[in-house]
Amino acid sequence: CQALMSEPDLLILDEPFDGLDVASRQQLAERLASLHQSGITLVLVLNRFDEIPEFVQFAGVLADCTLAETGAKEELLQQALVAQLAHSEQLEGVQLPEPDEPSARHALPTNEPRIVLNNGVVSYNDRPILNNLSWQVNPGEHWQIVGPNGAGKSTLLSLITGDHPQGYSNDLTLFGRRRGSGETIWDIKKHIGYVSSSLHLDYRVST
C-alpha cells in the first residue's frame, strides 16, 4: 500500500502471493490486473509457474544468478515446464539418508499425548487471536490446520514450536512438559521437524 501511495511508474513485487489463502491470492491478482490496466509497469518475482497472472505478457527465467531466458510468457512457460519435468525425472532414484534410530531421536512414551492445550487464549492489544481453544494431538495422528489469513494458524503453530511468549500464560503441555515448568525451548524443539517459508526468510544461510 505504501508503494502504491507514491504512484510509481514501476512497481516491483517479490513473492507477492506467499502466505496468502486462495481468496486473498485472487483478490491480489485482480488488483494487480487493475494496476496493469492503469498503466503502471509491474515486475513480479515468483517461484511458481501457476502464480503468474494472466495479464503478464513477458517472462524471464533466472538460473544460477543469471537471466537465462526472456521472451513471451506463453512461449517461455512451455520451455520452462519441459525443463522442470526433465529435472523431476533426474531426481527419481535419489537416495535420502536413513533416519536416526528412535533412541537417538529422543523417543517419547507411545501412550502420552504430544500436544495438550486447554482453553488457550492469545491476544494482541486486547484483540483475541485464539479464544478458549482446546486441542490435543495424540501419537500417530495427522492434522491439517486450515483457515483464511488472520484466522490464527501461525499463532497456534508458534505456541506448539515454543516460539510464542504467551505460551507460558496458557495451560499448554508439549511432549510431556508443561510450559513454564523449567523446560528450555530446546527441550521442545528437539522433538519437532519444522519447515516454512518464514523460517527460511528469517534464518537465511550465507554461502
Protein backbone atom coordinates (compact mmCIF):
# COMPACT_ATOMS: atom_id res chain seq x y z
CA CYS A 1 0.00 0.00 0.00
CA GLN A 2 2.81 2.41 0.86
CA ALA A 3 4.46 1.72 -2.50
CA LEU A 4 1.19 2.47 -4.32
CA MET A 5 0.64 5.76 -2.48
CA SER A 6 3.73 7.19 -4.19
CA GLU A 7 2.11 6.48 -7.59
CA PRO A 8 5.18 4.75 -9.07
CA ASP A 9 5.81 4.25 -12.76
CA LEU A 10 7.38 0.87 -11.94
CA LEU A 11 6.24 -1.45 -9.14
CA ILE A 12 8.39 -4.48 -8.20
CA LEU A 13 6.78 -7.18 -6.04
CA ASP A 14 8.86 -10.03 -4.59
CA GLU A 15 6.75 -13.17 -4.00
CA PRO A 16 3.51 -11.19 -3.50
CA PHE A 17 1.35 -14.32 -3.21
CA ASP A 18 3.39 -16.01 -0.47
CA GLY A 19 1.39 -16.81 2.66
CA LEU A 20 -1.97 -15.82 1.16
CA ASP A 21 -5.02 -18.06 1.10
CA VAL A 22 -6.90 -18.79 -2.14
CA ALA A 23 -9.37 -15.91 -1.78
CA SER A 24 -6.64 -13.39 -0.93
CA ARG A 25 -4.49 -14.54 -3.87
CA GLN A 26 -7.43 -14.00 -6.21
CA GLN A 27 -8.08 -10.52 -4.79
CA LEU A 28 -4.42 -9.58 -5.18
CA ALA A 29 -4.29 -10.90 -8.75
CA GLU A 30 -7.34 -8.79 -9.63
CA ARG A 31 -5.77 -5.72 -8.00
CA LEU A 32 -2.54 -6.25 -9.95
CA ALA A 33 -4.51 -6.59 -13.17
CA SER A 34 -6.22 -3.29 -12.38
CA LEU A 35 -2.85 -1.61 -11.81
CA HIS A 36 -1.63 -3.02 -15.12
CA GLN A 37 -4.69 -1.55 -16.86
CA SER A 38 -3.98 1.84 -15.28
CA GLY A 39 -0.57 1.96 -16.95
CA ILE A 40 1.73 1.00 -14.08
CA THR A 41 4.57 -1.27 -15.16
CA LEU A 42 4.77 -4.35 -12.93
CA VAL A 43 7.68 -6.70 -12.29
CA LEU A 44 6.72 -9.81 -10.30
CA VAL A 45 9.36 -12.11 -8.79
CA LEU A 46 7.78 -15.56 -8.45
CA ASN A 47 8.86 -19.13 -7.76
CA ARG A 48 5.79 -20.92 -9.11
CA PHE A 49 4.59 -21.01 -12.70
CA ASP A 50 0.94 -21.27 -11.61
CA GLU A 51 1.17 -17.93 -9.78
CA ILE A 52 1.91 -15.92 -12.93
CA PRO A 53 -1.16 -13.71 -13.53
CA GLU A 54 -2.92 -13.86 -16.89
CA PHE A 55 -2.17 -10.22 -17.76
CA VAL A 56 1.60 -10.83 -17.71
CA GLN A 57 2.95 -10.59 -21.25
CA PHE A 58 6.66 -11.30 -20.87
CA ALA A 59 8.68 -13.51 -18.55
CA GLY A 60 12.28 -14.23 -17.67
CA VAL A 61 13.89 -17.28 -16.09
CA LEU A 62 16.68 -16.86 -13.56
CA ALA A 63 19.14 -19.74 -13.21
CA ASP A 64 22.41 -19.70 -11.27
CA CYS A 65 22.08 -15.93 -10.69
CA THR A 66 21.81 -15.36 -14.45
CA LEU A 67 18.85 -14.27 -16.56
CA ALA A 68 18.94 -17.40 -18.71
CA GLU A 69 15.84 -16.86 -20.86
CA THR A 70 13.48 -14.00 -21.70
CA GLY A 71 10.57 -13.77 -24.07
CA ALA A 72 6.81 -14.00 -24.49
CA LYS A 73 5.23 -15.60 -21.43
CA GLU A 74 3.42 -18.49 -23.13
CA GLU A 75 6.46 -19.49 -25.17
CA LEU A 76 8.79 -19.29 -22.23
CA LEU A 77 6.49 -21.23 -19.92
CA GLN A 78 6.36 -24.13 -22.36
CA GLN A 79 10.16 -24.32 -22.32
CA ALA A 80 10.32 -23.93 -18.55
CA LEU A 81 7.71 -26.65 -17.94
CA VAL A 82 9.60 -29.09 -20.15
CA ALA A 83 12.82 -28.29 -18.28
CA GLN A 84 11.06 -28.77 -14.95
CA LEU A 85 9.73 -32.18 -15.98
CA ALA A 86 13.19 -33.23 -17.12
CA HIS A 87 14.63 -32.12 -13.79
CA SER A 88 11.96 -34.09 -11.90
CA GLU A 89 12.89 -37.25 -13.81
CA GLN A 90 16.53 -36.76 -12.84
CA LEU A 91 15.51 -36.70 -9.17
CA GLU A 92 13.99 -40.19 -9.37
CA GLY A 93 16.13 -42.68 -7.53
CA VAL A 94 17.88 -40.10 -5.35
CA GLN A 95 18.74 -41.76 -2.05
CA LEU A 96 17.75 -39.93 1.13
CA PRO A 97 19.75 -40.52 4.32
CA GLU A 98 18.32 -43.06 6.75
CA PRO A 99 16.53 -41.53 9.76
CA ASP A 100 18.12 -41.74 13.19
CA GLU A 101 17.21 -44.60 15.47
CA PRO A 102 14.30 -43.80 17.85
CA SER A 103 16.65 -43.67 20.85
CA ALA A 104 18.76 -41.03 19.10
CA ARG A 105 15.62 -39.04 18.28
CA HIS A 106 14.57 -38.59 21.92
CA ALA A 107 11.87 -41.28 21.92
CA LEU A 108 8.67 -40.41 23.81
CA PRO A 109 6.14 -42.67 25.55
CA THR A 110 3.70 -44.06 22.98
CA ASN A 111 0.65 -43.61 25.21
CA GLU A 112 1.03 -39.91 26.07
CA PRO A 113 -0.40 -37.00 24.03
CA ARG A 114 2.17 -34.99 22.14
CA ILE A 115 0.27 -31.70 22.48
CA VAL A 116 -2.37 -30.68 25.02
CA LEU A 117 -3.81 -27.16 25.01
CA ASN A 118 -6.68 -26.36 27.37
CA ASN A 119 -8.79 -23.24 26.76
CA GLY A 120 -5.89 -21.49 25.06
CA VAL A 121 -6.03 -17.71 24.73
CA VAL A 122 -3.72 -15.47 22.71
CA SER A 123 -4.43 -11.77 22.17
CA TYR A 124 -2.72 -8.67 20.83
CA ASN A 125 -3.77 -5.24 22.12
CA ASP A 126 -6.88 -6.80 23.70
CA ARG A 127 -7.84 -8.34 20.35
CA PRO A 128 -8.27 -12.13 20.70
CA ILE A 129 -6.48 -14.24 18.10
CA LEU A 130 -7.16 -17.57 19.81
CA ASN A 131 -10.06 -17.68 22.23
CA ASN A 132 -10.64 -20.66 24.56
CA LEU A 133 -9.13 -23.13 22.09
CA SER A 134 -8.65 -26.68 23.34
CA TRP A 135 -6.63 -29.12 21.25
CA GLN A 136 -4.99 -32.48 21.81
CA VAL A 137 -2.69 -34.31 19.41
CA ASN A 138 -2.04 -37.99 20.12
CA PRO A 139 0.77 -40.21 18.80
CA GLY A 140 0.20 -41.33 15.22
CA GLU A 141 -2.39 -38.65 14.42
CA HIS A 142 -2.10 -36.37 11.40
CA TRP A 143 -3.72 -32.92 11.39
CA GLN A 144 -4.34 -30.26 8.78
CA ILE A 145 -4.99 -26.73 10.06
CA VAL A 146 -6.96 -24.64 7.59
CA GLY A 147 -8.46 -21.16 7.64
CA PRO A 148 -8.24 -17.76 5.96
CA ASN A 149 -5.43 -15.30 6.56
CA GLY A 150 -5.65 -13.88 10.07
CA ALA A 151 -7.53 -16.87 11.50
CA GLY A 152 -4.69 -17.70 13.91
CA LYS A 153 -2.99 -20.66 12.19
CA SER A 154 0.54 -19.30 12.50
CA THR A 155 -0.13 -18.15 16.06
CA LEU A 156 -1.23 -21.65 17.03
CA LEU A 157 1.85 -23.20 15.43
CA SER A 158 4.15 -20.73 17.20
CA LEU A 159 2.68 -21.93 20.50
CA ILE A 160 3.49 -25.51 19.55
CA THR A 161 7.06 -24.76 18.43
CA GLY A 162 7.70 -22.91 21.69
CA ASP A 163 8.32 -19.57 19.99
CA HIS A 164 5.29 -17.64 21.26
CA PRO A 165 5.81 -15.83 24.60
CA GLN A 166 2.14 -16.23 25.54
CA GLY A 167 2.66 -19.98 25.67
CA TYR A 168 3.75 -19.53 29.29
CA SER A 169 0.42 -17.98 30.26
CA ASN A 170 -1.57 -20.92 28.88
CA ASP A 171 -2.32 -24.43 30.09
CA LEU A 172 -0.09 -25.97 27.44
CA THR A 173 1.81 -29.26 27.63
CA LEU A 174 4.22 -30.19 24.84
CA PHE A 175 5.81 -33.63 24.64
CA GLY A 176 5.09 -34.31 28.30
CA ARG A 177 6.45 -30.98 29.58
CA ARG A 178 4.14 -28.28 30.91
CA ARG A 179 5.18 -24.86 29.60
CA GLY A 180 6.74 -22.82 32.37
CA SER A 181 7.84 -25.88 34.36
CA GLY A 182 11.56 -25.22 33.91
CA GLU A 183 11.91 -26.65 30.41
CA THR A 184 14.03 -24.91 27.79
CA ILE A 185 12.85 -24.13 24.29
CA TRP A 186 15.29 -26.80 23.05
CA ASP A 187 13.54 -29.43 25.18
CA ILE A 188 10.56 -28.76 22.90
CA LYS A 189 12.27 -28.19 19.58
CA LYS A 190 14.28 -31.42 19.70
CA HIS A 191 11.01 -33.27 19.07
CA ILE A 192 9.86 -31.13 16.12
CA GLY A 193 10.67 -31.03 12.43
CA TYR A 194 9.54 -27.64 11.13
CA VAL A 195 9.59 -26.26 7.58
CA SER A 196 8.11 -22.92 6.47
CA SER A 197 8.79 -20.06 4.08
CA SER A 198 9.06 -17.61 7.00
CA LEU A 199 11.65 -19.85 8.65
CA HIS A 200 13.85 -19.72 5.55
CA LEU A 201 13.30 -15.96 5.29
CA ASP A 202 14.20 -15.25 8.92
CA TYR A 203 17.21 -17.58 9.06
CA ARG A 204 18.99 -17.24 5.74
CA VAL A 205 22.26 -19.13 5.39
CA SER A 206 25.19 -17.36 3.73
CA THR A 207 27.09 -19.34 1.10
